[in-house]
N, C-alpha and C. Protein backbone atom coordinates (compact mmCIF):
# COMPACT_ATOMS: atom_id res chain seq x y z
N MET A 1 37.21 -17.87 2.19
CA MET A 1 35.93 -18.30 1.67
C MET A 1 35.73 -17.63 0.31
N LYS A 2 35.25 -18.40 -0.66
CA LYS A 2 35.04 -17.88 -2.00
C LYS A 2 33.87 -16.90 -2.02
N LYS A 3 33.90 -16.02 -3.00
CA LYS A 3 32.86 -15.01 -3.14
C LYS A 3 31.48 -15.64 -3.33
N ASP A 4 31.41 -16.71 -4.15
CA ASP A 4 30.13 -17.39 -4.38
C ASP A 4 29.57 -17.98 -3.10
N SER A 5 30.44 -18.54 -2.27
CA SER A 5 29.99 -19.13 -1.00
C SER A 5 29.44 -18.05 -0.07
N LYS A 6 30.10 -16.91 -0.04
CA LYS A 6 29.63 -15.80 0.79
C LYS A 6 28.25 -15.33 0.34
N ILE A 7 28.03 -15.27 -0.96
CA ILE A 7 26.73 -14.83 -1.49
C ILE A 7 25.64 -15.83 -1.10
N VAL A 8 25.93 -17.12 -1.26
CA VAL A 8 24.94 -18.14 -0.93
C VAL A 8 24.61 -18.10 0.56
N ILE A 9 25.62 -17.98 1.40
CA ILE A 9 25.40 -17.92 2.85
C ILE A 9 24.60 -16.67 3.21
N SER A 10 24.92 -15.55 2.57
CA SER A 10 24.18 -14.31 2.83
C SER A 10 22.71 -14.45 2.44
N ILE A 11 22.45 -15.09 1.32
CA ILE A 11 21.07 -15.29 0.88
C ILE A 11 20.32 -16.19 1.85
N ILE A 12 20.97 -17.26 2.30
CA ILE A 12 20.33 -18.19 3.24
C ILE A 12 20.03 -17.49 4.56
N VAL A 13 21.00 -16.77 5.10
CA VAL A 13 20.80 -16.06 6.37
C VAL A 13 19.72 -14.99 6.22
N GLY A 14 19.75 -14.25 5.12
CA GLY A 14 18.73 -13.23 4.88
C GLY A 14 17.35 -13.85 4.78
N GLY A 15 17.24 -14.95 4.06
CA GLY A 15 15.96 -15.65 3.93
C GLY A 15 15.44 -16.14 5.27
N LEU A 16 16.33 -16.67 6.11
CA LEU A 16 15.92 -17.13 7.44
C LEU A 16 15.45 -15.97 8.31
N LEU A 17 16.11 -14.82 8.19
CA LEU A 17 15.68 -13.64 8.95
C LEU A 17 14.30 -13.17 8.51
N VAL A 18 14.07 -13.15 7.20
CA VAL A 18 12.75 -12.75 6.68
C VAL A 18 11.67 -13.71 7.17
N ILE A 19 11.94 -15.00 7.12
CA ILE A 19 10.97 -16.00 7.59
C ILE A 19 10.70 -15.82 9.07
N ALA A 20 11.76 -15.60 9.87
CA ALA A 20 11.58 -15.39 11.31
C ALA A 20 10.72 -14.15 11.58
N LEU A 21 10.98 -13.05 10.85
CA LEU A 21 10.19 -11.83 11.04
C LEU A 21 8.73 -12.05 10.65
N LEU A 22 8.51 -12.77 9.55
CA LEU A 22 7.13 -13.04 9.15
C LEU A 22 6.41 -13.92 10.15
N LEU A 23 7.11 -14.91 10.72
CA LEU A 23 6.47 -15.76 11.73
C LEU A 23 6.12 -14.96 12.98
N ILE A 24 7.00 -14.06 13.37
CA ILE A 24 6.72 -13.20 14.53
C ILE A 24 5.53 -12.29 14.22
N ALA A 25 5.52 -11.73 13.01
CA ALA A 25 4.43 -10.83 12.63
C ALA A 25 3.09 -11.56 12.54
N LEU A 26 3.11 -12.85 12.22
CA LEU A 26 1.87 -13.60 12.06
C LEU A 26 1.18 -13.91 13.37
N PHE A 27 1.83 -13.64 14.51
CA PHE A 27 1.16 -13.85 15.79
C PHE A 27 -0.09 -12.99 15.92
N THR A 28 -0.04 -11.81 15.31
CA THR A 28 -1.21 -10.93 15.34
C THR A 28 -1.55 -10.57 13.92
N VAL A 29 -2.77 -10.79 13.52
CA VAL A 29 -3.20 -10.50 12.16
C VAL A 29 -4.54 -9.80 12.21
N ILE A 30 -4.62 -8.68 11.50
CA ILE A 30 -5.92 -8.07 11.29
C ILE A 30 -6.29 -8.46 9.87
N ASP A 31 -7.32 -9.27 9.72
CA ASP A 31 -7.71 -9.71 8.40
C ASP A 31 -8.84 -8.84 7.86
N GLY A 32 -9.41 -9.25 6.74
CA GLY A 32 -10.46 -8.46 6.10
C GLY A 32 -11.67 -8.26 6.97
N THR A 33 -11.88 -9.10 8.00
CA THR A 33 -13.04 -8.96 8.87
C THR A 33 -12.72 -8.11 10.09
N ASN A 34 -11.52 -7.59 10.16
CA ASN A 34 -11.08 -6.74 11.27
C ASN A 34 -11.12 -7.47 12.62
N THR A 35 -10.80 -8.75 12.63
CA THR A 35 -10.69 -9.46 13.90
C THR A 35 -9.24 -9.44 14.32
N LEU A 36 -9.00 -9.28 15.58
CA LEU A 36 -7.65 -9.15 16.09
C LEU A 36 -7.38 -10.30 17.05
N SER A 37 -6.26 -10.99 16.85
CA SER A 37 -5.87 -12.04 17.79
C SER A 37 -4.50 -11.69 18.33
N SER A 38 -4.29 -11.90 19.62
CA SER A 38 -3.07 -11.47 20.28
C SER A 38 -2.11 -12.63 20.49
N ALA A 39 -0.84 -12.33 20.44
CA ALA A 39 0.19 -13.31 20.76
C ALA A 39 0.26 -13.45 22.27
N PRO A 40 0.74 -14.59 22.74
CA PRO A 40 0.74 -14.82 24.18
C PRO A 40 1.64 -13.89 24.97
N ASN A 41 2.68 -13.32 24.35
CA ASN A 41 3.62 -12.48 25.10
C ASN A 41 3.17 -11.03 25.26
N GLY A 42 2.06 -10.63 24.65
CA GLY A 42 1.54 -9.27 24.81
C GLY A 42 2.27 -8.22 24.00
N ASN A 43 3.27 -8.58 23.22
CA ASN A 43 3.99 -7.63 22.38
C ASN A 43 3.78 -8.07 20.94
N THR A 44 2.75 -7.53 20.29
CA THR A 44 2.34 -8.04 18.99
C THR A 44 2.43 -6.99 17.89
N VAL A 45 2.34 -7.48 16.67
CA VAL A 45 2.34 -6.63 15.49
C VAL A 45 1.01 -6.85 14.77
N ALA A 46 0.31 -5.78 14.47
CA ALA A 46 -0.94 -5.87 13.73
C ALA A 46 -0.62 -5.81 12.24
N ILE A 47 -1.19 -6.73 11.47
CA ILE A 47 -0.99 -6.73 10.03
C ILE A 47 -2.31 -6.35 9.36
N ILE A 48 -2.27 -5.28 8.59
CA ILE A 48 -3.46 -4.77 7.91
C ILE A 48 -3.26 -4.93 6.41
N PRO A 49 -4.12 -5.70 5.74
CA PRO A 49 -3.97 -5.86 4.29
C PRO A 49 -4.54 -4.66 3.52
N LEU A 50 -3.79 -4.20 2.55
CA LEU A 50 -4.28 -3.21 1.60
C LEU A 50 -4.10 -3.87 0.23
N GLN A 51 -5.06 -4.69 -0.12
CA GLN A 51 -4.99 -5.52 -1.33
C GLN A 51 -6.09 -5.13 -2.30
N GLY A 52 -5.73 -4.57 -3.43
CA GLY A 52 -6.72 -4.21 -4.44
C GLY A 52 -6.78 -2.71 -4.68
N GLU A 53 -7.74 -2.32 -5.49
CA GLU A 53 -7.91 -0.92 -5.87
C GLU A 53 -8.40 -0.09 -4.68
N ILE A 54 -7.91 1.14 -4.57
CA ILE A 54 -8.32 2.06 -3.51
C ILE A 54 -9.47 2.92 -4.02
N GLY A 55 -10.54 2.99 -3.26
CA GLY A 55 -11.68 3.79 -3.69
C GLY A 55 -12.75 3.83 -2.62
N TYR A 56 -13.94 4.20 -3.02
CA TYR A 56 -15.06 4.30 -2.10
C TYR A 56 -16.10 3.23 -2.35
N GLY A 57 -15.96 2.44 -3.37
CA GLY A 57 -16.92 1.40 -3.71
C GLY A 57 -16.58 0.84 -5.06
N SER A 58 -17.38 -0.12 -5.50
CA SER A 58 -17.11 -0.75 -6.78
C SER A 58 -18.40 -0.95 -7.55
N THR A 59 -18.33 -0.74 -8.83
CA THR A 59 -19.49 -1.01 -9.68
C THR A 59 -19.51 -2.47 -10.09
N ASN A 60 -18.37 -3.13 -10.03
CA ASN A 60 -18.26 -4.54 -10.39
C ASN A 60 -18.03 -5.34 -9.11
N SER A 61 -18.93 -6.26 -8.78
CA SER A 61 -18.84 -6.99 -7.52
C SER A 61 -17.62 -7.89 -7.43
N SER A 62 -16.96 -8.21 -8.56
CA SER A 62 -15.79 -9.07 -8.51
C SER A 62 -14.52 -8.28 -8.18
N ASP A 63 -14.59 -6.96 -8.24
CA ASP A 63 -13.42 -6.13 -7.93
C ASP A 63 -13.23 -6.03 -6.42
N SER A 64 -11.98 -6.04 -6.00
CA SER A 64 -11.65 -5.85 -4.60
C SER A 64 -11.30 -4.38 -4.40
N VAL A 65 -12.10 -3.68 -3.60
CA VAL A 65 -11.87 -2.26 -3.36
C VAL A 65 -11.56 -2.05 -1.88
N VAL A 66 -10.46 -1.35 -1.62
CA VAL A 66 -10.08 -0.99 -0.27
C VAL A 66 -10.54 0.44 -0.04
N THR A 67 -11.33 0.65 1.02
CA THR A 67 -11.83 1.99 1.31
C THR A 67 -11.02 2.61 2.44
N PRO A 68 -10.99 3.95 2.50
CA PRO A 68 -10.31 4.60 3.61
C PRO A 68 -10.88 4.17 4.96
N GLU A 69 -12.19 3.97 5.01
CA GLU A 69 -12.84 3.57 6.26
C GLU A 69 -12.32 2.23 6.76
N MET A 70 -12.09 1.28 5.83
CA MET A 70 -11.57 -0.03 6.22
C MET A 70 -10.20 0.11 6.88
N ILE A 71 -9.33 0.90 6.28
CA ILE A 71 -7.98 1.07 6.81
C ILE A 71 -8.02 1.87 8.11
N GLN A 72 -8.84 2.93 8.16
CA GLN A 72 -8.96 3.73 9.39
C GLN A 72 -9.46 2.88 10.54
N ASN A 73 -10.46 2.03 10.30
CA ASN A 73 -10.99 1.16 11.35
C ASN A 73 -9.93 0.17 11.84
N SER A 74 -9.18 -0.39 10.92
CA SER A 74 -8.14 -1.35 11.29
C SER A 74 -7.03 -0.68 12.11
N ILE A 75 -6.63 0.52 11.70
CA ILE A 75 -5.60 1.25 12.45
C ILE A 75 -6.13 1.63 13.84
N SER A 76 -7.36 2.09 13.91
CA SER A 76 -7.96 2.44 15.21
C SER A 76 -8.02 1.23 16.13
N GLN A 77 -8.40 0.09 15.57
CA GLN A 77 -8.47 -1.14 16.37
C GLN A 77 -7.09 -1.52 16.88
N ALA A 78 -6.08 -1.43 16.04
CA ALA A 78 -4.72 -1.75 16.46
C ALA A 78 -4.21 -0.78 17.52
N GLU A 79 -4.56 0.51 17.36
CA GLU A 79 -4.10 1.50 18.32
C GLU A 79 -4.79 1.35 19.68
N SER A 80 -6.03 0.88 19.68
CA SER A 80 -6.73 0.74 20.95
C SER A 80 -6.34 -0.54 21.70
N ASP A 81 -5.65 -1.44 21.04
CA ASP A 81 -5.21 -2.69 21.67
C ASP A 81 -3.82 -2.46 22.27
N SER A 82 -3.73 -2.52 23.60
CA SER A 82 -2.46 -2.25 24.27
C SER A 82 -1.40 -3.31 24.01
N SER A 83 -1.80 -4.50 23.53
CA SER A 83 -0.81 -5.54 23.24
C SER A 83 -0.12 -5.31 21.89
N VAL A 84 -0.68 -4.41 21.05
CA VAL A 84 -0.09 -4.13 19.74
C VAL A 84 0.96 -3.04 19.89
N SER A 85 2.18 -3.36 19.47
CA SER A 85 3.26 -2.37 19.58
C SER A 85 3.53 -1.66 18.27
N SER A 86 3.17 -2.28 17.13
CA SER A 86 3.40 -1.65 15.84
C SER A 86 2.43 -2.22 14.80
N ILE A 87 2.40 -1.57 13.65
CA ILE A 87 1.46 -1.93 12.59
C ILE A 87 2.23 -2.18 11.30
N VAL A 88 1.90 -3.28 10.63
CA VAL A 88 2.45 -3.56 9.30
C VAL A 88 1.28 -3.52 8.32
N ILE A 89 1.43 -2.74 7.26
CA ILE A 89 0.42 -2.70 6.22
C ILE A 89 0.96 -3.48 5.02
N ASP A 90 0.26 -4.54 4.67
CA ASP A 90 0.65 -5.43 3.58
C ASP A 90 0.00 -4.93 2.29
N VAL A 91 0.79 -4.31 1.41
CA VAL A 91 0.27 -3.63 0.23
C VAL A 91 0.47 -4.45 -1.04
N ASN A 92 -0.59 -4.57 -1.81
CA ASN A 92 -0.54 -5.07 -3.19
C ASN A 92 -1.67 -4.35 -3.92
N SER A 93 -1.37 -3.16 -4.41
CA SER A 93 -2.41 -2.30 -4.98
C SER A 93 -1.87 -1.45 -6.11
N PRO A 94 -2.64 -1.35 -7.20
CA PRO A 94 -2.24 -0.46 -8.29
C PRO A 94 -2.62 1.00 -8.03
N GLY A 95 -3.30 1.26 -6.91
CA GLY A 95 -3.74 2.61 -6.59
C GLY A 95 -5.23 2.75 -6.78
N GLY A 96 -5.64 3.95 -7.12
CA GLY A 96 -7.07 4.20 -7.31
C GLY A 96 -7.39 5.66 -7.09
N SER A 97 -8.45 5.92 -6.36
CA SER A 97 -8.93 7.27 -6.13
C SER A 97 -7.89 8.12 -5.39
N PRO A 98 -7.53 9.29 -5.94
CA PRO A 98 -6.58 10.15 -5.25
C PRO A 98 -7.08 10.62 -3.88
N VAL A 99 -8.36 10.93 -3.79
CA VAL A 99 -8.92 11.42 -2.53
C VAL A 99 -8.92 10.31 -1.48
N ALA A 100 -9.36 9.12 -1.87
CA ALA A 100 -9.35 7.98 -0.94
C ALA A 100 -7.93 7.65 -0.52
N SER A 101 -6.98 7.72 -1.44
CA SER A 101 -5.57 7.45 -1.13
C SER A 101 -5.03 8.46 -0.13
N GLU A 102 -5.41 9.73 -0.31
CA GLU A 102 -4.97 10.77 0.61
C GLU A 102 -5.55 10.55 2.01
N GLU A 103 -6.79 10.10 2.08
CA GLU A 103 -7.40 9.81 3.39
C GLU A 103 -6.64 8.69 4.09
N ILE A 104 -6.26 7.66 3.35
CA ILE A 104 -5.49 6.57 3.94
C ILE A 104 -4.13 7.08 4.38
N MET A 105 -3.49 7.93 3.57
CA MET A 105 -2.21 8.51 3.93
C MET A 105 -2.31 9.27 5.25
N ASN A 106 -3.38 10.06 5.42
CA ASN A 106 -3.56 10.82 6.65
C ASN A 106 -3.80 9.91 7.85
N SER A 107 -4.48 8.79 7.65
CA SER A 107 -4.69 7.82 8.74
C SER A 107 -3.36 7.22 9.18
N ILE A 108 -2.53 6.88 8.21
CA ILE A 108 -1.21 6.31 8.53
C ILE A 108 -0.35 7.36 9.22
N LYS A 109 -0.39 8.59 8.72
CA LYS A 109 0.41 9.67 9.29
C LYS A 109 0.02 9.96 10.74
N SER A 110 -1.28 9.86 11.05
CA SER A 110 -1.74 10.20 12.40
C SER A 110 -1.64 9.04 13.39
N SER A 111 -1.19 7.87 12.93
CA SER A 111 -1.05 6.73 13.83
C SER A 111 -0.03 7.04 14.92
N LYS A 112 -0.39 6.69 16.15
CA LYS A 112 0.51 6.90 17.28
C LYS A 112 1.54 5.78 17.41
N LYS A 113 1.27 4.66 16.74
CA LYS A 113 2.19 3.52 16.76
C LYS A 113 2.98 3.49 15.46
N PRO A 114 4.19 2.93 15.50
CA PRO A 114 4.99 2.86 14.27
C PRO A 114 4.26 2.06 13.18
N VAL A 115 4.33 2.56 11.95
CA VAL A 115 3.70 1.89 10.82
C VAL A 115 4.77 1.54 9.79
N VAL A 116 4.84 0.25 9.45
CA VAL A 116 5.75 -0.24 8.43
C VAL A 116 4.91 -0.76 7.28
N VAL A 117 5.29 -0.42 6.06
CA VAL A 117 4.57 -0.88 4.88
C VAL A 117 5.42 -1.93 4.17
N TRP A 118 4.80 -3.08 3.86
CA TRP A 118 5.44 -4.12 3.08
C TRP A 118 4.74 -4.17 1.73
N ILE A 119 5.51 -3.94 0.64
CA ILE A 119 4.96 -3.98 -0.70
C ILE A 119 5.29 -5.34 -1.30
N SER A 120 4.25 -6.12 -1.62
CA SER A 120 4.50 -7.42 -2.21
C SER A 120 4.74 -7.27 -3.71
N ASP A 121 3.70 -7.22 -4.51
CA ASP A 121 3.88 -7.12 -5.96
C ASP A 121 3.85 -5.67 -6.46
N VAL A 122 2.77 -4.94 -6.09
CA VAL A 122 2.57 -3.60 -6.64
C VAL A 122 2.21 -2.61 -5.54
N GLY A 123 2.82 -1.47 -5.56
CA GLY A 123 2.47 -0.35 -4.70
C GLY A 123 2.62 0.91 -5.53
N ALA A 124 1.66 1.16 -6.40
CA ALA A 124 1.81 2.23 -7.38
C ALA A 124 0.71 3.27 -7.26
N SER A 125 0.95 4.40 -7.87
CA SER A 125 -0.01 5.48 -8.00
C SER A 125 -0.60 5.87 -6.64
N GLY A 126 -1.93 5.76 -6.48
CA GLY A 126 -2.58 6.15 -5.24
C GLY A 126 -2.13 5.32 -4.05
N ALA A 127 -1.76 4.06 -4.28
CA ALA A 127 -1.26 3.22 -3.18
C ALA A 127 0.06 3.78 -2.67
N TYR A 128 0.92 4.21 -3.59
CA TYR A 128 2.20 4.79 -3.20
C TYR A 128 1.97 6.07 -2.39
N LEU A 129 1.02 6.88 -2.84
CA LEU A 129 0.66 8.08 -2.09
C LEU A 129 0.17 7.71 -0.70
N ALA A 130 -0.70 6.69 -0.62
CA ALA A 130 -1.30 6.29 0.66
C ALA A 130 -0.25 5.88 1.69
N PHE A 131 0.74 5.12 1.29
CA PHE A 131 1.71 4.65 2.28
C PHE A 131 2.98 5.49 2.35
N SER A 132 3.03 6.60 1.64
CA SER A 132 4.24 7.44 1.65
C SER A 132 4.50 8.07 3.02
N SER A 133 3.51 8.12 3.89
CA SER A 133 3.71 8.72 5.22
C SER A 133 4.07 7.68 6.28
N ALA A 134 4.28 6.43 5.89
CA ALA A 134 4.65 5.39 6.86
C ALA A 134 6.04 5.65 7.41
N ASP A 135 6.32 5.06 8.57
CA ASP A 135 7.63 5.22 9.19
C ASP A 135 8.72 4.49 8.40
N LYS A 136 8.35 3.39 7.77
CA LYS A 136 9.31 2.59 7.01
C LYS A 136 8.57 1.90 5.88
N ILE A 137 9.21 1.82 4.71
CA ILE A 137 8.64 1.13 3.56
C ILE A 137 9.64 0.06 3.13
N ILE A 138 9.15 -1.17 3.00
CA ILE A 138 9.99 -2.29 2.59
C ILE A 138 9.38 -2.90 1.34
N ALA A 139 10.22 -3.13 0.32
CA ALA A 139 9.74 -3.74 -0.92
C ALA A 139 10.82 -4.65 -1.48
N SER A 140 10.38 -5.64 -2.19
CA SER A 140 11.29 -6.52 -2.91
C SER A 140 11.85 -5.76 -4.10
N PRO A 141 13.06 -6.07 -4.51
CA PRO A 141 13.61 -5.41 -5.70
C PRO A 141 12.75 -5.63 -6.95
N SER A 142 11.94 -6.68 -6.96
CA SER A 142 11.10 -6.94 -8.13
C SER A 142 9.69 -6.36 -8.00
N SER A 143 9.40 -5.69 -6.89
CA SER A 143 8.10 -5.05 -6.71
C SER A 143 7.99 -3.84 -7.64
N MET A 144 6.78 -3.55 -8.10
CA MET A 144 6.54 -2.34 -8.89
C MET A 144 6.09 -1.25 -7.93
N VAL A 145 6.93 -0.23 -7.76
CA VAL A 145 6.69 0.81 -6.76
C VAL A 145 6.80 2.18 -7.41
N GLY A 146 5.88 3.08 -7.05
CA GLY A 146 6.02 4.47 -7.47
C GLY A 146 4.91 4.95 -8.37
N SER A 147 5.20 5.98 -9.11
CA SER A 147 4.36 6.62 -10.11
C SER A 147 3.13 7.31 -9.56
N ILE A 148 3.32 8.21 -8.61
CA ILE A 148 2.18 8.98 -8.10
C ILE A 148 1.72 9.93 -9.20
N GLY A 149 0.53 9.70 -9.71
CA GLY A 149 -0.10 10.61 -10.65
C GLY A 149 0.65 10.87 -11.93
N VAL A 150 1.39 9.91 -12.47
CA VAL A 150 2.15 10.18 -13.68
C VAL A 150 1.56 9.52 -14.92
N ILE A 151 0.49 8.76 -14.76
CA ILE A 151 -0.10 8.10 -15.92
C ILE A 151 -1.40 8.81 -16.31
N MET A 152 -1.46 9.20 -17.57
CA MET A 152 -2.67 9.85 -18.08
C MET A 152 -2.82 9.46 -19.54
N GLN A 153 -3.99 9.00 -19.91
CA GLN A 153 -4.23 8.64 -21.30
C GLN A 153 -5.00 9.76 -21.98
N ILE A 154 -4.54 10.12 -23.18
CA ILE A 154 -5.25 11.13 -23.96
C ILE A 154 -5.38 10.62 -25.40
N THR A 155 -6.37 11.11 -26.07
CA THR A 155 -6.60 10.74 -27.46
C THR A 155 -6.28 11.94 -28.33
N ASP A 156 -5.46 11.73 -29.35
CA ASP A 156 -5.11 12.81 -30.27
C ASP A 156 -6.19 12.89 -31.35
N LEU A 157 -7.02 13.90 -31.26
CA LEU A 157 -8.10 14.09 -32.22
C LEU A 157 -7.80 15.23 -33.20
N SER A 158 -6.56 15.68 -33.27
CA SER A 158 -6.23 16.86 -34.07
C SER A 158 -6.56 16.67 -35.56
N LYS A 159 -6.28 15.49 -36.14
CA LYS A 159 -6.60 15.26 -37.55
C LYS A 159 -8.11 15.26 -37.76
N TYR A 160 -8.85 14.66 -36.83
CA TYR A 160 -10.32 14.65 -36.92
C TYR A 160 -10.86 16.08 -36.89
N TYR A 161 -10.30 16.88 -35.98
CA TYR A 161 -10.75 18.27 -35.88
C TYR A 161 -10.45 19.03 -37.17
N GLN A 162 -9.25 18.82 -37.75
CA GLN A 162 -8.87 19.50 -38.99
C GLN A 162 -9.80 19.10 -40.13
N GLU A 163 -10.06 17.79 -40.25
CA GLU A 163 -10.91 17.29 -41.33
C GLU A 163 -12.34 17.81 -41.22
N ASN A 164 -12.81 18.07 -40.02
CA ASN A 164 -14.19 18.50 -39.80
C ASN A 164 -14.31 19.99 -39.51
N GLY A 165 -13.23 20.72 -39.70
CA GLY A 165 -13.28 22.17 -39.56
C GLY A 165 -13.48 22.65 -38.12
N ILE A 166 -13.06 21.86 -37.17
CA ILE A 166 -13.21 22.25 -35.78
C ILE A 166 -11.94 22.94 -35.33
N ASN A 167 -12.08 24.13 -34.77
CA ASN A 167 -10.95 24.88 -34.26
C ASN A 167 -10.92 24.82 -32.73
N ILE A 168 -9.73 24.74 -32.20
CA ILE A 168 -9.57 24.67 -30.75
C ILE A 168 -8.85 25.94 -30.29
N SER A 169 -9.37 26.57 -29.26
CA SER A 169 -8.72 27.75 -28.69
C SER A 169 -8.51 27.51 -27.21
N SER A 170 -7.38 27.97 -26.73
CA SER A 170 -7.10 27.90 -25.30
C SER A 170 -7.03 29.31 -24.75
N ILE A 171 -7.68 29.53 -23.65
CA ILE A 171 -7.61 30.82 -22.96
C ILE A 171 -6.94 30.57 -21.63
N LYS A 172 -5.86 31.29 -21.40
CA LYS A 172 -5.06 31.07 -20.19
C LYS A 172 -4.91 32.37 -19.43
N ALA A 173 -4.81 32.24 -18.13
CA ALA A 173 -4.58 33.41 -17.28
C ALA A 173 -3.67 33.03 -16.15
N GLY A 174 -3.01 33.98 -15.56
CA GLY A 174 -2.18 33.72 -14.39
C GLY A 174 -0.85 33.27 -14.76
């Protein structure tokens, strides 16, 4: 069999496996309203969406903000349902509040059921911190993943300070 044929067959088989896993996972879904529906066989997977910025609230009503309480409630609901055997967290988030992200991370870490994270488009900054304690992390090669706390914007005002006679002193200890 030619190398190209093997690649095509591998892609087709891999795609069919992903579709089969997603169909199995869709038997149980925890949506934004935290409603849980069970599959008929009693062995289900809870899917918890983590879509949007992580924080405690939003000043702009059009922004989608995921709070630690939302994720904690969803995990608690999945853990209290005996038909749920594992949890999948569907992530598409640029991150957000470090404290809120850490609270979500602790909720995932303390889960008694296995937690798998699926990163669709973005799992960066605080989102990456939040799901770093999961049992397994799965992402597409084209997903943007990583960068815990590495982005910081600063303005260079040194010329302004020089022109206006402003001196800067740093006092350091330890």
